[in-house]
Amino acid sequence: MFSQRLIIGAAGLLTLGAGASAQAQSTTEETTATTPQAARYTAAHDSVLARAAACRSENEKLLRDFSASFIGIRGLRRKIVSFNSIPFDRNGRTVLKTHIIKHKTTGAKVEKIDYRAQDGKLLLSERYIQGQLVRLEVFEYTPIKNLLSGMRQSGSWLLLPGDYIQRTRKPEGKAKTSAYYFRTRPTTME
């Protein structure tokens, strides 16, 4: 009787082992099927962060002056505006960076940072809560074909929490198109 249980137990283990290897094999096939998505997400994520870093560094090189304001209604709010020239040169003075820091009454610290080009167009928009990046949007511009000077927004990259990226293209004379990138989550076996 005991030996019969042992054999049944061993057969059960063998059956369980075969099922586990079949599950492992299907998981491997599933992972290799989603690898292109993971590679696309990684490439898009690296591209967004590289564009943002380039925008920040180019913008920081142009900053020459800043002004700060402070208000304390229902929490504290500080606004720092950076310009491309000294305060006495009013003709060529352009806002290049706006940094707003809010200290909420709940204790949360919210930061909004916008970087602009020399002509005033928004290039990069960042949002932080408690020092953690929660939204990053990079804008792209192309020259207008029929005008000598002038730019129009041709697309944007939007990075959101949860590892989601939205790439929007706005070709001239055509409909807007969007592509979505996301990091694949590991599947749980039950």
N, C-alpha and C. Protein backbone atom coordinates (compact mmCIF):
# COMPACT_ATOMS: atom_id res chain seq x y z
N MET A 1 0.83 -1.18 0.00
CA MET A 1 0.00 0.00 0.00
C MET A 1 0.87 1.24 0.00
N PHE A 2 1.87 1.25 0.89
CA PHE A 2 2.76 2.38 0.97
C PHE A 2 3.53 2.57 -0.34
N SER A 3 4.01 1.46 -0.92
CA SER A 3 4.76 1.55 -2.16
C SER A 3 3.86 2.03 -3.30
N GLN A 4 2.59 1.64 -3.25
CA GLN A 4 1.66 2.08 -4.29
C GLN A 4 1.44 3.59 -4.20
N ARG A 5 1.34 4.12 -2.98
CA ARG A 5 1.17 5.56 -2.80
C ARG A 5 2.41 6.31 -3.28
N LEU A 6 3.54 5.73 -3.01
CA LEU A 6 4.77 6.36 -3.42
C LEU A 6 4.85 6.44 -4.94
N ILE A 7 4.46 5.36 -5.61
CA ILE A 7 4.47 5.35 -7.07
C ILE A 7 3.46 6.36 -7.61
N ILE A 8 2.28 6.41 -7.01
CA ILE A 8 1.27 7.38 -7.45
C ILE A 8 1.80 8.79 -7.19
N GLY A 9 2.42 8.94 -6.03
CA GLY A 9 2.99 10.26 -5.71
C GLY A 9 4.07 10.64 -6.69
N ALA A 10 4.91 9.69 -7.05
CA ALA A 10 5.98 9.98 -8.01
C ALA A 10 5.39 10.26 -9.38
N ALA A 11 4.35 9.52 -9.76
CA ALA A 11 3.71 9.76 -11.05
C ALA A 11 3.06 11.14 -11.06
N GLY A 12 2.47 11.50 -9.93
CA GLY A 12 1.88 12.84 -9.82
C GLY A 12 2.94 13.92 -9.95
N LEU A 13 4.11 13.68 -9.32
CA LEU A 13 5.19 14.64 -9.43
C LEU A 13 5.70 14.73 -10.87
N LEU A 14 5.78 13.56 -11.52
CA LEU A 14 6.21 13.58 -12.90
C LEU A 14 5.21 14.35 -13.77
N THR A 15 3.93 14.15 -13.52
CA THR A 15 2.90 14.87 -14.28
C THR A 15 2.99 16.36 -13.99
N LEU A 16 3.17 16.70 -12.72
CA LEU A 16 3.29 18.10 -12.35
C LEU A 16 4.53 18.71 -13.00
N GLY A 17 5.61 17.96 -13.00
CA GLY A 17 6.84 18.45 -13.61
C GLY A 17 6.67 18.70 -15.09
N ALA A 18 5.96 17.82 -15.79
CA ALA A 18 5.74 18.00 -17.22
C ALA A 18 4.88 19.23 -17.47
N GLY A 19 3.87 19.43 -16.61
CA GLY A 19 3.01 20.62 -16.76
C GLY A 19 3.78 21.89 -16.51
N ALA A 20 4.66 21.85 -15.52
CA ALA A 20 5.44 23.05 -15.20
C ALA A 20 6.39 23.38 -16.34
N SER A 21 6.99 22.37 -16.96
CA SER A 21 7.88 22.66 -18.08
C SER A 21 7.09 23.16 -19.27
N ALA A 22 5.87 22.68 -19.46
CA ALA A 22 5.04 23.18 -20.56
C ALA A 22 4.67 24.64 -20.30
N GLN A 23 4.38 24.98 -19.04
CA GLN A 23 4.07 26.37 -18.72
C GLN A 23 5.30 27.25 -18.93
N ALA A 24 6.44 26.76 -18.53
CA ALA A 24 7.67 27.53 -18.69
C ALA A 24 7.96 27.76 -20.17
N GLN A 25 7.70 26.75 -20.99
CA GLN A 25 7.93 26.88 -22.41
C GLN A 25 6.98 27.91 -23.01
N SER A 26 5.69 27.89 -22.63
CA SER A 26 4.75 28.86 -23.18
C SER A 26 5.09 30.27 -22.70
N THR A 27 5.59 30.40 -21.47
CA THR A 27 5.99 31.72 -20.97
C THR A 27 7.17 32.24 -21.76
N THR A 28 8.12 31.37 -22.09
CA THR A 28 9.27 31.78 -22.88
C THR A 28 8.83 32.23 -24.27
N GLU A 29 7.92 31.50 -24.88
CA GLU A 29 7.42 31.90 -26.19
C GLU A 29 6.69 33.23 -26.11
N GLU A 30 5.92 33.43 -25.03
CA GLU A 30 5.19 34.68 -24.86
C GLU A 30 6.16 35.84 -24.66
N THR A 31 7.23 35.61 -23.90
CA THR A 31 8.21 36.66 -23.65
C THR A 31 8.93 37.04 -24.93
N THR A 32 9.29 36.06 -25.75
CA THR A 32 9.96 36.39 -27.00
C THR A 32 9.02 37.09 -27.96
N ALA A 33 7.71 36.84 -27.83
CA ALA A 33 6.76 37.52 -28.70
C ALA A 33 6.63 38.99 -28.31
N THR A 34 6.79 39.32 -27.03
CA THR A 34 6.66 40.70 -26.58
C THR A 34 7.99 41.44 -26.54
N THR A 35 9.08 40.79 -26.85
CA THR A 35 10.38 41.44 -26.83
C THR A 35 10.46 42.62 -27.78
N PRO A 36 9.90 42.57 -29.00
CA PRO A 36 9.93 43.76 -29.85
C PRO A 36 9.21 44.95 -29.20
N GLN A 37 8.10 44.70 -28.49
CA GLN A 37 7.41 45.78 -27.80
C GLN A 37 8.29 46.38 -26.72
N ALA A 38 9.00 45.53 -25.97
CA ALA A 38 9.89 46.03 -24.93
C ALA A 38 11.04 46.83 -25.54
N ALA A 39 11.56 46.37 -26.66
CA ALA A 39 12.64 47.09 -27.34
C ALA A 39 12.14 48.43 -27.88
N ARG A 40 10.92 48.45 -28.42
CA ARG A 40 10.33 49.71 -28.92
C ARG A 40 10.14 50.69 -27.78
N TYR A 41 9.65 50.18 -26.64
CA TYR A 41 9.45 51.05 -25.49
C TYR A 41 10.78 51.62 -24.99
N THR A 42 11.78 50.77 -24.88
CA THR A 42 13.09 51.21 -24.39
C THR A 42 13.68 52.27 -25.32
N ALA A 43 13.57 52.06 -26.62
CA ALA A 43 14.08 53.04 -27.58
C ALA A 43 13.32 54.36 -27.47
N ALA A 44 11.99 54.30 -27.36
CA ALA A 44 11.18 55.52 -27.25
C ALA A 44 11.48 56.24 -25.93
N HIS A 45 11.62 55.49 -24.84
CA HIS A 45 11.91 56.08 -23.52
C HIS A 45 13.26 56.78 -23.54
N ASP A 46 14.28 56.12 -24.10
CA ASP A 46 15.60 56.73 -24.19
C ASP A 46 15.57 57.97 -25.07
N SER A 47 14.79 57.92 -26.15
CA SER A 47 14.68 59.06 -27.05
C SER A 47 14.04 60.26 -26.37
N VAL A 48 12.97 60.03 -25.61
CA VAL A 48 12.29 61.11 -24.90
C VAL A 48 13.23 61.75 -23.88
N LEU A 49 13.91 60.93 -23.09
CA LEU A 49 14.81 61.45 -22.07
C LEU A 49 16.00 62.19 -22.68
N ALA A 50 16.52 61.70 -23.81
CA ALA A 50 17.63 62.37 -24.49
C ALA A 50 17.18 63.72 -25.06
N ARG A 51 15.98 63.77 -25.64
CA ARG A 51 15.45 65.03 -26.16
C ARG A 51 15.24 66.04 -25.03
N ALA A 52 14.72 65.57 -23.91
CA ALA A 52 14.49 66.45 -22.76
C ALA A 52 15.82 66.99 -22.22
N ALA A 53 16.81 66.13 -22.10
CA ALA A 53 18.12 66.56 -21.60
C ALA A 53 18.76 67.57 -22.54
N ALA A 54 18.65 67.35 -23.85
CA ALA A 54 19.20 68.28 -24.83
C ALA A 54 18.49 69.63 -24.74
N CYS A 55 17.18 69.60 -24.59
CA CYS A 55 16.41 70.84 -24.48
C CYS A 55 16.80 71.61 -23.23
N ARG A 56 16.94 70.92 -22.10
CA ARG A 56 17.33 71.56 -20.86
C ARG A 56 18.71 72.21 -20.98
N SER A 57 19.68 71.47 -21.53
CA SER A 57 21.04 71.99 -21.61
C SER A 57 21.13 73.18 -22.57
N GLU A 58 20.44 73.12 -23.71
CA GLU A 58 20.45 74.24 -24.65
C GLU A 58 19.80 75.46 -24.03
N ASN A 59 18.71 75.25 -23.31
CA ASN A 59 17.99 76.35 -22.70
C ASN A 59 18.81 76.99 -21.57
N GLU A 60 19.47 76.16 -20.77
CA GLU A 60 20.25 76.67 -19.65
C GLU A 60 21.43 77.53 -20.13
N LYS A 61 21.96 77.26 -21.32
CA LYS A 61 23.06 78.05 -21.87
C LYS A 61 22.62 79.48 -22.19
N LEU A 62 21.35 79.67 -22.50
CA LEU A 62 20.84 80.97 -22.93
C LEU A 62 20.37 81.86 -21.78
N LEU A 63 20.19 81.30 -20.59
CA LEU A 63 19.64 82.06 -19.48
C LEU A 63 20.63 83.12 -19.00
N ARG A 64 20.12 84.35 -18.82
CA ARG A 64 20.95 85.45 -18.37
C ARG A 64 20.42 86.13 -17.11
N ASP A 65 19.11 86.09 -16.90
CA ASP A 65 18.51 86.82 -15.79
C ASP A 65 17.27 86.07 -15.31
N PHE A 66 16.82 86.38 -14.11
CA PHE A 66 15.59 85.76 -13.61
C PHE A 66 14.89 86.74 -12.67
N SER A 67 13.63 86.48 -12.46
CA SER A 67 12.86 87.20 -11.45
C SER A 67 12.04 86.18 -10.68
N ALA A 68 11.80 86.48 -9.41
CA ALA A 68 11.08 85.54 -8.56
C ALA A 68 9.92 86.26 -7.88
N SER A 69 8.82 85.52 -7.71
CA SER A 69 7.69 86.05 -6.96
C SER A 69 7.24 84.99 -5.98
N PHE A 70 6.54 85.45 -4.94
CA PHE A 70 6.15 84.56 -3.86
C PHE A 70 4.76 84.95 -3.41
N ILE A 71 3.91 83.96 -3.18
CA ILE A 71 2.57 84.21 -2.68
C ILE A 71 2.23 83.11 -1.69
N GLY A 72 1.46 83.43 -0.67
CA GLY A 72 1.17 82.45 0.37
C GLY A 72 -0.30 82.33 0.71
N ILE A 73 -1.12 82.04 -0.25
CA ILE A 73 -2.55 81.83 0.00
C ILE A 73 -2.84 80.34 -0.11
N ARG A 74 -3.39 79.74 0.94
CA ARG A 74 -3.68 78.29 0.99
C ARG A 74 -2.47 77.48 0.56
N GLY A 75 -1.37 77.71 1.20
CA GLY A 75 -0.13 77.04 0.85
C GLY A 75 0.85 78.07 0.31
N LEU A 76 2.02 77.65 -0.04
CA LEU A 76 3.04 78.56 -0.54
C LEU A 76 3.25 78.33 -2.03
N ARG A 77 3.46 79.42 -2.76
CA ARG A 77 3.70 79.32 -4.20
C ARG A 77 4.85 80.25 -4.54
N ARG A 78 5.83 79.70 -5.22
CA ARG A 78 6.98 80.48 -5.67
C ARG A 78 7.11 80.31 -7.17
N LYS A 79 7.27 81.42 -7.87
CA LYS A 79 7.40 81.39 -9.33
C LYS A 79 8.71 82.05 -9.70
N ILE A 80 9.52 81.32 -10.45
CA ILE A 80 10.80 81.83 -10.91
C ILE A 80 10.76 81.85 -12.43
N VAL A 81 10.93 83.04 -13.00
CA VAL A 81 10.90 83.21 -14.45
C VAL A 81 12.31 83.60 -14.89
N SER A 82 12.86 82.86 -15.85
CA SER A 82 14.21 83.12 -16.35
C SER A 82 14.14 83.69 -17.75
N PHE A 83 15.04 84.64 -18.03
CA PHE A 83 15.04 85.36 -19.30
C PHE A 83 16.36 85.15 -20.03
N ASN A 84 16.37 85.57 -21.30
CA ASN A 84 17.57 85.40 -22.11
C ASN A 84 18.45 86.63 -22.14
N SER A 85 18.07 87.72 -21.46
CA SER A 85 18.90 88.93 -21.48
C SER A 85 18.81 89.64 -20.14
N ILE A 86 19.60 90.67 -20.00
CA ILE A 86 19.59 91.44 -18.76
C ILE A 86 18.32 92.29 -18.69
N PRO A 87 17.92 92.75 -17.49
CA PRO A 87 16.65 93.44 -17.36
C PRO A 87 16.54 94.76 -18.10
N PHE A 88 17.65 95.42 -18.42
CA PHE A 88 17.57 96.72 -19.07
C PHE A 88 17.35 96.62 -20.57
N ASP A 89 17.57 95.46 -21.14
CA ASP A 89 17.36 95.25 -22.58
C ASP A 89 15.97 94.68 -22.78
N ARG A 90 14.96 95.53 -22.85
CA ARG A 90 13.56 95.09 -22.94
C ARG A 90 13.18 94.58 -24.33
N ASN A 91 13.88 95.00 -25.36
CA ASN A 91 13.49 94.62 -26.72
C ASN A 91 13.68 93.14 -26.99
N GLY A 92 14.80 92.58 -26.60
CA GLY A 92 15.09 91.19 -26.91
C GLY A 92 14.83 90.24 -25.76
N ARG A 93 14.12 90.70 -24.74
CA ARG A 93 13.92 89.88 -23.54
C ARG A 93 12.80 88.88 -23.77
N THR A 94 13.10 87.61 -23.61
CA THR A 94 12.14 86.53 -23.83
C THR A 94 12.17 85.60 -22.62
N VAL A 95 11.00 85.15 -22.21
CA VAL A 95 10.91 84.16 -21.13
C VAL A 95 11.34 82.82 -21.70
N LEU A 96 12.39 82.22 -21.12
CA LEU A 96 12.88 80.93 -21.58
C LEU A 96 12.51 79.79 -20.64
N LYS A 97 12.34 80.10 -19.36
CA LYS A 97 12.06 79.05 -18.39
C LYS A 97 11.12 79.60 -17.32
N THR A 98 10.11 78.83 -16.99
CA THR A 98 9.20 79.16 -15.90
C THR A 98 9.19 77.98 -14.94
N HIS A 99 9.49 78.25 -13.68
CA HIS A 99 9.55 77.20 -12.66
C HIS A 99 8.61 77.61 -11.53
N ILE A 100 7.53 76.87 -11.35
CA ILE A 100 6.55 77.15 -10.31
C ILE A 100 6.62 76.02 -9.28
N ILE A 101 6.80 76.41 -8.02
CA ILE A 101 6.87 75.44 -6.93
C ILE A 101 5.71 75.74 -5.98
N LYS A 102 4.86 74.75 -5.76
CA LYS A 102 3.72 74.90 -4.86
C LYS A 102 3.88 73.94 -3.69
N HIS A 103 3.73 74.47 -2.50
CA HIS A 103 3.70 73.66 -1.30
C HIS A 103 2.25 73.63 -0.84
N LYS A 104 1.57 72.53 -1.08
CA LYS A 104 0.15 72.41 -0.75
C LYS A 104 -0.04 72.30 0.76
N THR A 105 -1.25 72.62 1.21
CA THR A 105 -1.56 72.52 2.64
C THR A 105 -1.59 71.06 3.09
N THR A 106 -1.72 70.14 2.16
CA THR A 106 -1.70 68.71 2.49
C THR A 106 -0.28 68.20 2.70
N GLY A 107 0.71 69.04 2.40
CA GLY A 107 2.10 68.65 2.56
C GLY A 107 2.77 68.26 1.25
N ALA A 108 2.02 68.19 0.18
CA ALA A 108 2.59 67.80 -1.12
C ALA A 108 3.34 68.98 -1.73
N LYS A 109 4.42 68.67 -2.41
CA LYS A 109 5.20 69.66 -3.14
C LYS A 109 5.03 69.39 -4.63
N VAL A 110 4.48 70.35 -5.34
CA VAL A 110 4.22 70.20 -6.77
C VAL A 110 5.10 71.20 -7.51
N GLU A 111 5.81 70.71 -8.53
CA GLU A 111 6.67 71.57 -9.34
C GLU A 111 6.24 71.49 -10.80
N LYS A 112 6.20 72.64 -11.45
CA LYS A 112 5.90 72.73 -12.87
C LYS A 112 7.02 73.52 -13.52
N ILE A 113 7.66 72.92 -14.52
CA ILE A 113 8.77 73.56 -15.20
C ILE A 113 8.48 73.56 -16.69
N ASP A 114 8.52 74.74 -17.30
CA ASP A 114 8.31 74.88 -18.74
C ASP A 114 9.52 75.55 -19.36
N TYR A 115 10.04 74.96 -20.43
CA TYR A 115 11.15 75.52 -21.18
C TYR A 115 10.62 76.00 -22.51
N ARG A 116 11.05 77.20 -22.93
CA ARG A 116 10.58 77.80 -24.18
C ARG A 116 11.76 78.14 -25.08
N ALA A 117 11.45 78.25 -26.37
CA ALA A 117 12.46 78.64 -27.35
C ALA A 117 12.59 80.16 -27.36
N GLN A 118 13.54 80.68 -28.13
CA GLN A 118 13.75 82.13 -28.24
C GLN A 118 12.51 82.84 -28.77
N ASP A 119 11.74 82.17 -29.61
CA ASP A 119 10.54 82.80 -30.16
C ASP A 119 9.31 82.59 -29.28
N GLY A 120 9.46 81.96 -28.13
CA GLY A 120 8.36 81.81 -27.18
C GLY A 120 7.60 80.50 -27.28
N LYS A 121 7.94 79.64 -28.21
CA LYS A 121 7.24 78.36 -28.35
C LYS A 121 7.66 77.40 -27.24
N LEU A 122 6.69 76.66 -26.72
CA LEU A 122 6.94 75.70 -25.64
C LEU A 122 7.70 74.50 -26.20
N LEU A 123 8.86 74.19 -25.60
CA LEU A 123 9.68 73.07 -26.04
C LEU A 123 9.56 71.86 -25.12
N LEU A 124 9.50 72.11 -23.81
CA LEU A 124 9.52 71.02 -22.83
C LEU A 124 8.67 71.42 -21.64
N SER A 125 7.86 70.49 -21.17
CA SER A 125 7.02 70.72 -20.01
C SER A 125 7.20 69.55 -19.06
N GLU A 126 7.56 69.84 -17.81
CA GLU A 126 7.79 68.80 -16.80
C GLU A 126 6.91 69.06 -15.59
N ARG A 127 6.42 67.99 -14.98
CA ARG A 127 5.64 68.08 -13.76
C ARG A 127 6.21 67.09 -12.75
N TYR A 128 6.41 67.56 -11.53
CA TYR A 128 6.95 66.74 -10.45
C TYR A 128 6.01 66.81 -9.25
N ILE A 129 5.82 65.70 -8.56
CA ILE A 129 5.13 65.67 -7.28
C ILE A 129 6.06 65.00 -6.29
N GLN A 130 6.35 65.70 -5.21
CA GLN A 130 7.29 65.22 -4.19
C GLN A 130 8.65 64.89 -4.81
N GLY A 131 9.07 65.63 -5.80
CA GLY A 131 10.37 65.43 -6.42
C GLY A 131 10.42 64.29 -7.43
N GLN A 132 9.29 63.62 -7.68
CA GLN A 132 9.26 62.51 -8.62
C GLN A 132 8.56 62.95 -9.91
N LEU A 133 9.18 62.67 -11.04
CA LEU A 133 8.64 63.05 -12.33
C LEU A 133 7.32 62.32 -12.59
N VAL A 134 6.24 63.06 -12.87
CA VAL A 134 4.96 62.43 -13.15
C VAL A 134 4.48 62.73 -14.57
N ARG A 135 5.06 63.73 -15.23
CA ARG A 135 4.67 64.03 -16.59
C ARG A 135 5.81 64.77 -17.28
N LEU A 136 6.13 64.33 -18.48
CA LEU A 136 7.18 64.95 -19.27
C LEU A 136 6.67 65.03 -20.70
N GLU A 137 6.64 66.23 -21.26
CA GLU A 137 6.16 66.38 -22.64
C GLU A 137 7.17 67.21 -23.42
N VAL A 138 7.63 66.66 -24.54
CA VAL A 138 8.58 67.31 -25.42
C VAL A 138 7.85 67.64 -26.72
N PHE A 139 7.96 68.89 -27.16
CA PHE A 139 7.27 69.35 -28.37
C PHE A 139 8.26 69.49 -29.52
N GLU A 140 7.78 69.20 -30.73
CA GLU A 140 8.60 69.32 -31.93
C GLU A 140 7.96 70.33 -32.87
N TYR A 141 8.81 71.10 -33.56
CA TYR A 141 8.32 72.12 -34.49
C TYR A 141 9.03 71.97 -35.82
N THR A 142 8.31 72.30 -36.90
CA THR A 142 8.89 72.30 -38.24
C THR A 142 8.55 73.63 -38.90
N PRO A 143 9.38 74.08 -39.85
CA PRO A 143 9.06 75.33 -40.54
C PRO A 143 7.83 75.18 -41.43
N ILE A 144 7.09 76.25 -41.56
CA ILE A 144 5.93 76.27 -42.46
C ILE A 144 6.45 76.42 -43.88
N LYS A 145 5.95 75.62 -44.80
CA LYS A 145 6.51 75.54 -46.15
C LYS A 145 6.38 76.84 -46.94
N ASN A 146 5.23 77.49 -46.91
CA ASN A 146 4.99 78.63 -47.78
C ASN A 146 5.44 79.97 -47.21
N LEU A 147 5.91 79.98 -45.97
CA LEU A 147 6.36 81.22 -45.34
C LEU A 147 7.86 81.17 -45.10
N LEU A 148 8.51 82.33 -45.21
CA LEU A 148 9.94 82.39 -44.96
C LEU A 148 10.26 82.18 -43.48
N SER A 149 9.43 82.77 -42.63
CA SER A 149 9.65 82.58 -41.20
C SER A 149 8.36 82.07 -40.58
N GLY A 150 8.49 81.23 -39.64
CA GLY A 150 7.32 80.67 -38.98
C GLY A 150 7.50 79.19 -38.73
N MET A 151 7.04 78.78 -37.59
CA MET A 151 7.13 77.38 -37.21
C MET A 151 5.76 76.91 -36.75
N ARG A 152 5.52 75.63 -36.93
CA ARG A 152 4.28 75.05 -36.43
C ARG A 152 4.61 73.77 -35.69
N GLN A 153 3.76 73.42 -34.73
CA GLN A 153 4.00 72.21 -33.96
C GLN A 153 3.73 71.00 -34.85
N SER A 154 4.73 70.13 -34.94
CA SER A 154 4.59 68.96 -35.81
C SER A 154 4.46 67.66 -35.03
N GLY A 155 4.62 67.72 -33.71
CA GLY A 155 4.48 66.51 -32.94
C GLY A 155 4.87 66.71 -31.50
N SER A 156 4.68 65.65 -30.72
CA SER A 156 5.05 65.71 -29.31
C SER A 156 5.29 64.30 -28.78
N TRP A 157 6.06 64.23 -27.72
CA TRP A 157 6.31 63.00 -26.97
C TRP A 157 5.79 63.23 -25.57
N LEU A 158 4.98 62.34 -25.06
CA LEU A 158 4.41 62.48 -23.72
C LEU A 158 4.74 61.23 -22.91
N LEU A 159 5.45 61.43 -21.80
CA LEU A 159 5.83 60.34 -20.90
C LEU A 159 5.00 60.47 -19.63
N LEU A 160 4.27 59.41 -19.28
CA LEU A 160 3.39 59.41 -18.12
C LEU A 160 3.78 58.31 -17.14
N PRO A 161 3.32 58.42 -15.89
CA PRO A 161 3.62 57.36 -14.93
C PRO A 161 3.05 56.02 -15.38
N GLY A 162 3.66 54.96 -14.91
CA GLY A 162 3.22 53.63 -15.32
C GLY A 162 3.90 53.19 -16.60
N ASP A 163 4.94 53.93 -17.01
CA ASP A 163 5.73 53.58 -18.19
C ASP A 163 4.91 53.61 -19.47
N TYR A 164 4.21 54.70 -19.69
CA TYR A 164 3.45 54.90 -20.93
C TYR A 164 4.03 56.08 -21.68
N ILE A 165 4.17 55.94 -22.98
CA ILE A 165 4.66 57.01 -23.84
C ILE A 165 3.69 57.15 -25.00
N GLN A 166 3.31 58.39 -25.28
CA GLN A 166 2.46 58.68 -26.43
C GLN A 166 3.24 59.56 -27.39
N ARG A 167 3.37 59.13 -28.61
CA ARG A 167 4.06 59.88 -29.67
C ARG A 167 3.00 60.38 -30.62
N THR A 168 2.84 61.68 -30.72
CA THR A 168 1.83 62.27 -31.59
C THR A 168 2.52 62.99 -32.73
N ARG A 169 2.07 62.73 -33.94
CA ARG A 169 2.58 63.41 -35.13
C ARG A 169 1.44 64.22 -35.76
N LYS A 170 1.77 65.44 -36.17
CA LYS A 170 0.78 66.31 -36.80
C LYS A 170 1.33 66.79 -38.14
N PRO A 171 1.26 65.93 -39.17
CA PRO A 171 1.77 66.35 -40.47
C PRO A 171 0.90 67.46 -41.07
N GLU A 172 1.53 68.33 -41.83
CA GLU A 172 0.80 69.45 -42.42
C GLU A 172 -0.21 68.95 -43.45
N GLY A 173 -1.45 69.34 -43.28
CA GLY A 173 -2.50 68.98 -44.21
C GLY A 173 -3.04 67.57 -44.03
N LYS A 174 -2.62 66.87 -43.00
CA LYS A 174 -3.07 65.50 -42.77
C LYS A 174 -3.60 65.38 -41.35
N ALA A 175 -4.26 64.26 -41.08
CA ALA A 175 -4.82 64.03 -39.75
C ALA A 175 -3.71 63.68 -38.74
N LYS A 176 -3.96 64.02 -37.50
CA LYS A 176 -3.02 63.72 -36.43
C LYS A 176 -3.00 62.21 -36.18
N THR A 177 -1.81 61.66 -35.97
CA THR A 177 -1.68 60.23 -35.66
C THR A 177 -0.93 60.07 -34.34
N SER A 178 -1.26 59.01 -33.62
CA SER A 178 -0.61 58.75 -32.34
C SER A 178 -0.11 57.31 -32.30
N ALA A 179 1.03 57.14 -31.68
CA ALA A 179 1.58 55.80 -31.43
C ALA A 179 1.81 55.70 -29.93
N TYR A 180 1.56 54.52 -29.38
CA TYR A 180 1.67 54.32 -27.95
C TYR A 180 2.73 53.26 -27.66
N TYR A 181 3.54 53.54 -26.67
CA TYR A 181 4.57 52.61 -26.24
C TYR A 181 4.36 52.36 -24.75
N PHE A 182 4.54 51.13 -24.35
CA PHE A 182 4.40 50.80 -22.93
C PHE A 182 5.32 49.64 -22.60
N ARG A 183 5.71 49.61 -21.35
CA ARG A 183 6.56 48.52 -20.88
C ARG A 183 5.65 47.35 -20.55
N THR A 184 5.99 46.19 -21.06
CA THR A 184 5.17 45.02 -20.77
C THR A 184 5.40 44.56 -19.35
N ARG A 185 4.35 44.17 -18.71
CA ARG A 185 4.41 43.68 -17.34
C ARG A 185 4.58 42.16 -17.35
N PRO A 186 5.33 41.62 -16.40
CA PRO A 186 5.45 40.17 -16.34
C PRO A 186 4.10 39.56 -15.96
N THR A 187 3.76 38.45 -16.61
CA THR A 187 2.50 37.79 -16.31
C THR A 187 2.69 36.90 -15.08
N THR A 188 1.65 36.84 -14.27
CA THR A 188 1.71 36.00 -13.09
C THR A 188 1.11 34.64 -13.40
N MET A 189 1.75 33.62 -12.92
CA MET A 189 1.26 32.26 -13.12
C MET A 189 0.39 31.88 -11.93
N GLU A 190 -0.77 31.36 -12.20
CA GLU A 190 -1.67 30.93 -11.12
C GLU A 190 -1.87 29.44 -11.15
